[in-house]
Amino acid sequence: MNFVEASEISKSLEDIGLSPGEVAFVHSDIGRIGWVKSAKTRDDVLRGYVDAIFDVVGDDGTVASLSCT
């Protein structure tokens, strides 16, 4: 299993051009990217990714994802 730091996720998003105030549509199998190193549960992993994305887009940005049930 791969492990990543939340800061690495944020840096990667910035490297591909995501910036404050933008919209990010997230549709990914995060298990393929990696488990957030500090996470102890699946909820911690998801929170790590969400926090990393919001660190980049900021309060004026939008994060959207599918919510299929």
N, C-alpha and C. Protein backbone atom coordinates (compact mmCIF):
# COMPACT_ATOMS: atom_id res chain seq x y z
N MET A 1 0.84 -1.18 0.00
CA MET A 1 0.00 0.00 0.00
C MET A 1 0.89 1.24 0.00
N ASN A 2 0.50 2.20 -0.80
CA ASN A 2 1.21 3.48 -0.83
C ASN A 2 0.74 4.38 0.31
N PHE A 3 1.64 5.20 0.80
CA PHE A 3 1.30 6.18 1.83
C PHE A 3 1.71 7.56 1.34
N VAL A 4 0.87 8.56 1.62
CA VAL A 4 1.15 9.94 1.23
C VAL A 4 0.86 10.87 2.41
N GLU A 5 1.56 11.98 2.42
CA GLU A 5 1.28 13.05 3.38
C GLU A 5 0.21 13.95 2.77
N ALA A 6 -0.65 14.52 3.61
CA ALA A 6 -1.65 15.45 3.11
C ALA A 6 -0.99 16.61 2.38
N SER A 7 0.17 17.04 2.84
CA SER A 7 0.88 18.14 2.19
C SER A 7 1.32 17.76 0.77
N GLU A 8 1.62 16.48 0.54
CA GLU A 8 1.98 16.01 -0.80
C GLU A 8 0.77 16.09 -1.74
N ILE A 9 -0.41 15.81 -1.20
CA ILE A 9 -1.63 15.89 -2.01
C ILE A 9 -1.86 17.34 -2.42
N SER A 10 -1.78 18.25 -1.47
CA SER A 10 -1.97 19.68 -1.77
C SER A 10 -0.96 20.16 -2.79
N LYS A 11 0.30 19.80 -2.60
CA LYS A 11 1.37 20.23 -3.52
C LYS A 11 1.13 19.69 -4.92
N SER A 12 0.70 18.45 -5.03
CA SER A 12 0.43 17.85 -6.34
C SER A 12 -0.71 18.58 -7.05
N LEU A 13 -1.74 18.94 -6.30
CA LEU A 13 -2.87 19.67 -6.88
C LEU A 13 -2.43 21.06 -7.35
N GLU A 14 -1.58 21.71 -6.57
CA GLU A 14 -1.05 23.01 -7.00
C GLU A 14 -0.18 22.86 -8.24
N ASP A 15 0.60 21.79 -8.29
CA ASP A 15 1.48 21.54 -9.44
C ASP A 15 0.71 21.35 -10.74
N ILE A 16 -0.52 20.84 -10.66
CA ILE A 16 -1.31 20.68 -11.89
C ILE A 16 -2.17 21.90 -12.19
N GLY A 17 -2.04 22.94 -11.36
CA GLY A 17 -2.69 24.20 -11.67
C GLY A 17 -3.91 24.56 -10.85
N LEU A 18 -4.30 23.74 -9.88
CA LEU A 18 -5.44 24.09 -9.04
C LEU A 18 -5.03 25.23 -8.12
N SER A 19 -5.90 26.22 -7.99
CA SER A 19 -5.55 27.40 -7.20
C SER A 19 -6.76 27.91 -6.41
N PRO A 20 -6.53 28.83 -5.47
CA PRO A 20 -7.61 29.35 -4.64
C PRO A 20 -8.78 29.89 -5.47
N GLY A 21 -9.99 29.60 -5.00
CA GLY A 21 -11.19 30.10 -5.65
C GLY A 21 -11.72 29.24 -6.77
N GLU A 22 -11.01 28.20 -7.14
CA GLU A 22 -11.44 27.35 -8.26
C GLU A 22 -12.39 26.25 -7.81
N VAL A 23 -12.93 25.56 -8.80
CA VAL A 23 -13.81 24.42 -8.56
C VAL A 23 -13.00 23.15 -8.82
N ALA A 24 -13.07 22.21 -7.89
CA ALA A 24 -12.42 20.91 -8.06
C ALA A 24 -13.49 19.84 -8.03
N PHE A 25 -13.58 19.06 -9.11
CA PHE A 25 -14.49 17.93 -9.15
C PHE A 25 -13.66 16.68 -8.87
N VAL A 26 -13.99 15.98 -7.83
CA VAL A 26 -13.20 14.84 -7.39
C VAL A 26 -13.93 13.55 -7.73
N HIS A 27 -13.26 12.71 -8.49
CA HIS A 27 -13.80 11.40 -8.85
C HIS A 27 -12.60 10.47 -8.96
N SER A 28 -12.29 9.80 -7.87
CA SER A 28 -11.07 9.01 -7.86
C SER A 28 -11.18 7.83 -6.91
N ASP A 29 -10.46 6.81 -7.22
CA ASP A 29 -10.28 5.69 -6.30
C ASP A 29 -9.03 6.03 -5.48
N ILE A 30 -9.23 6.71 -4.35
CA ILE A 30 -8.09 7.20 -3.59
C ILE A 30 -7.20 6.08 -3.08
N GLY A 31 -7.75 4.88 -3.02
CA GLY A 31 -6.93 3.74 -2.63
C GLY A 31 -5.76 3.53 -3.59
N ARG A 32 -5.92 3.94 -4.82
CA ARG A 32 -4.84 3.82 -5.80
C ARG A 32 -3.79 4.90 -5.62
N ILE A 33 -4.20 6.03 -5.02
CA ILE A 33 -3.25 7.12 -4.78
C ILE A 33 -2.43 6.82 -3.53
N GLY A 34 -3.12 6.48 -2.46
CA GLY A 34 -2.42 6.13 -1.24
C GLY A 34 -3.19 6.49 0.01
N TRP A 35 -2.81 5.87 1.08
CA TRP A 35 -3.40 6.09 2.39
C TRP A 35 -2.67 7.27 3.03
N VAL A 36 -3.39 8.22 3.60
CA VAL A 36 -2.77 9.36 4.27
C VAL A 36 -2.03 8.81 5.50
N LYS A 37 -0.75 9.16 5.60
CA LYS A 37 0.12 8.55 6.61
C LYS A 37 -0.42 8.66 8.03
N SER A 38 -1.00 9.77 8.39
CA SER A 38 -1.45 9.98 9.77
C SER A 38 -2.81 9.33 10.06
N ALA A 39 -3.46 8.77 9.03
CA ALA A 39 -4.81 8.22 9.18
C ALA A 39 -4.81 6.89 9.89
N LYS A 40 -5.79 6.74 10.75
CA LYS A 40 -5.97 5.48 11.45
C LYS A 40 -7.21 4.73 10.96
N THR A 41 -8.15 5.46 10.36
CA THR A 41 -9.39 4.87 9.86
C THR A 41 -9.64 5.36 8.44
N ARG A 42 -10.60 4.72 7.77
CA ARG A 42 -10.99 5.16 6.41
C ARG A 42 -11.52 6.59 6.44
N ASP A 43 -12.27 6.93 7.49
CA ASP A 43 -12.77 8.31 7.62
C ASP A 43 -11.62 9.30 7.73
N ASP A 44 -10.55 8.92 8.45
CA ASP A 44 -9.37 9.78 8.55
C ASP A 44 -8.72 9.99 7.19
N VAL A 45 -8.68 8.92 6.39
CA VAL A 45 -8.10 9.02 5.04
C VAL A 45 -8.91 10.00 4.21
N LEU A 46 -10.22 9.83 4.20
CA LEU A 46 -11.08 10.72 3.41
C LEU A 46 -10.94 12.16 3.89
N ARG A 47 -10.91 12.36 5.20
CA ARG A 47 -10.76 13.71 5.76
C ARG A 47 -9.42 14.31 5.33
N GLY A 48 -8.38 13.50 5.30
CA GLY A 48 -7.07 13.98 4.85
C GLY A 48 -7.09 14.49 3.43
N TYR A 49 -7.77 13.75 2.55
CA TYR A 49 -7.88 14.18 1.15
C TYR A 49 -8.74 15.44 1.02
N VAL A 50 -9.89 15.46 1.70
CA VAL A 50 -10.78 16.62 1.61
C VAL A 50 -10.07 17.86 2.15
N ASP A 51 -9.41 17.74 3.28
CA ASP A 51 -8.69 18.88 3.85
C ASP A 51 -7.60 19.37 2.92
N ALA A 52 -6.88 18.44 2.29
CA ALA A 52 -5.81 18.82 1.37
C ALA A 52 -6.37 19.59 0.17
N ILE A 53 -7.51 19.16 -0.34
CA ILE A 53 -8.12 19.85 -1.48
C ILE A 53 -8.58 21.24 -1.06
N PHE A 54 -9.24 21.33 0.09
CA PHE A 54 -9.70 22.64 0.57
C PHE A 54 -8.53 23.55 0.93
N ASP A 55 -7.39 23.00 1.34
CA ASP A 55 -6.21 23.83 1.58
C ASP A 55 -5.80 24.57 0.32
N VAL A 56 -6.04 23.95 -0.83
CA VAL A 56 -5.66 24.56 -2.10
C VAL A 56 -6.74 25.52 -2.60
N VAL A 57 -7.99 25.09 -2.65
CA VAL A 57 -9.04 25.94 -3.23
C VAL A 57 -9.52 27.03 -2.26
N GLY A 58 -9.31 26.83 -0.99
CA GLY A 58 -9.65 27.85 0.00
C GLY A 58 -11.14 28.01 0.23
N ASP A 59 -11.48 29.00 1.04
CA ASP A 59 -12.88 29.25 1.40
C ASP A 59 -13.73 29.69 0.22
N ASP A 60 -13.12 30.28 -0.78
CA ASP A 60 -13.88 30.76 -1.95
C ASP A 60 -13.99 29.69 -3.05
N GLY A 61 -13.32 28.57 -2.87
CA GLY A 61 -13.37 27.50 -3.86
C GLY A 61 -14.52 26.54 -3.59
N THR A 62 -14.71 25.62 -4.53
CA THR A 62 -15.77 24.63 -4.43
C THR A 62 -15.20 23.25 -4.70
N VAL A 63 -15.60 22.29 -3.88
CA VAL A 63 -15.21 20.90 -4.10
C VAL A 63 -16.49 20.12 -4.34
N ALA A 64 -16.56 19.41 -5.46
CA ALA A 64 -17.74 18.62 -5.81
C ALA A 64 -17.32 17.19 -6.06
N SER A 65 -18.22 16.26 -5.76
CA SER A 65 -17.96 14.85 -6.05
C SER A 65 -19.28 14.12 -6.25
N LEU A 66 -19.19 12.93 -6.79
CA LEU A 66 -20.37 12.09 -6.96
C LEU A 66 -20.82 11.59 -5.60
N SER A 67 -22.11 11.39 -5.48
CA SER A 67 -22.63 10.80 -4.24
C SER A 67 -23.64 9.71 -4.59
N CYS A 68 -23.20 8.79 -5.40
CA CYS A 68 -24.07 7.70 -5.83
C CYS A 68 -24.42 6.81 -4.64
N THR A 69 -25.68 6.48 -4.54
CA THR A 69 -26.09 5.59 -3.45
C THR A 69 -26.87 4.43 -4.01
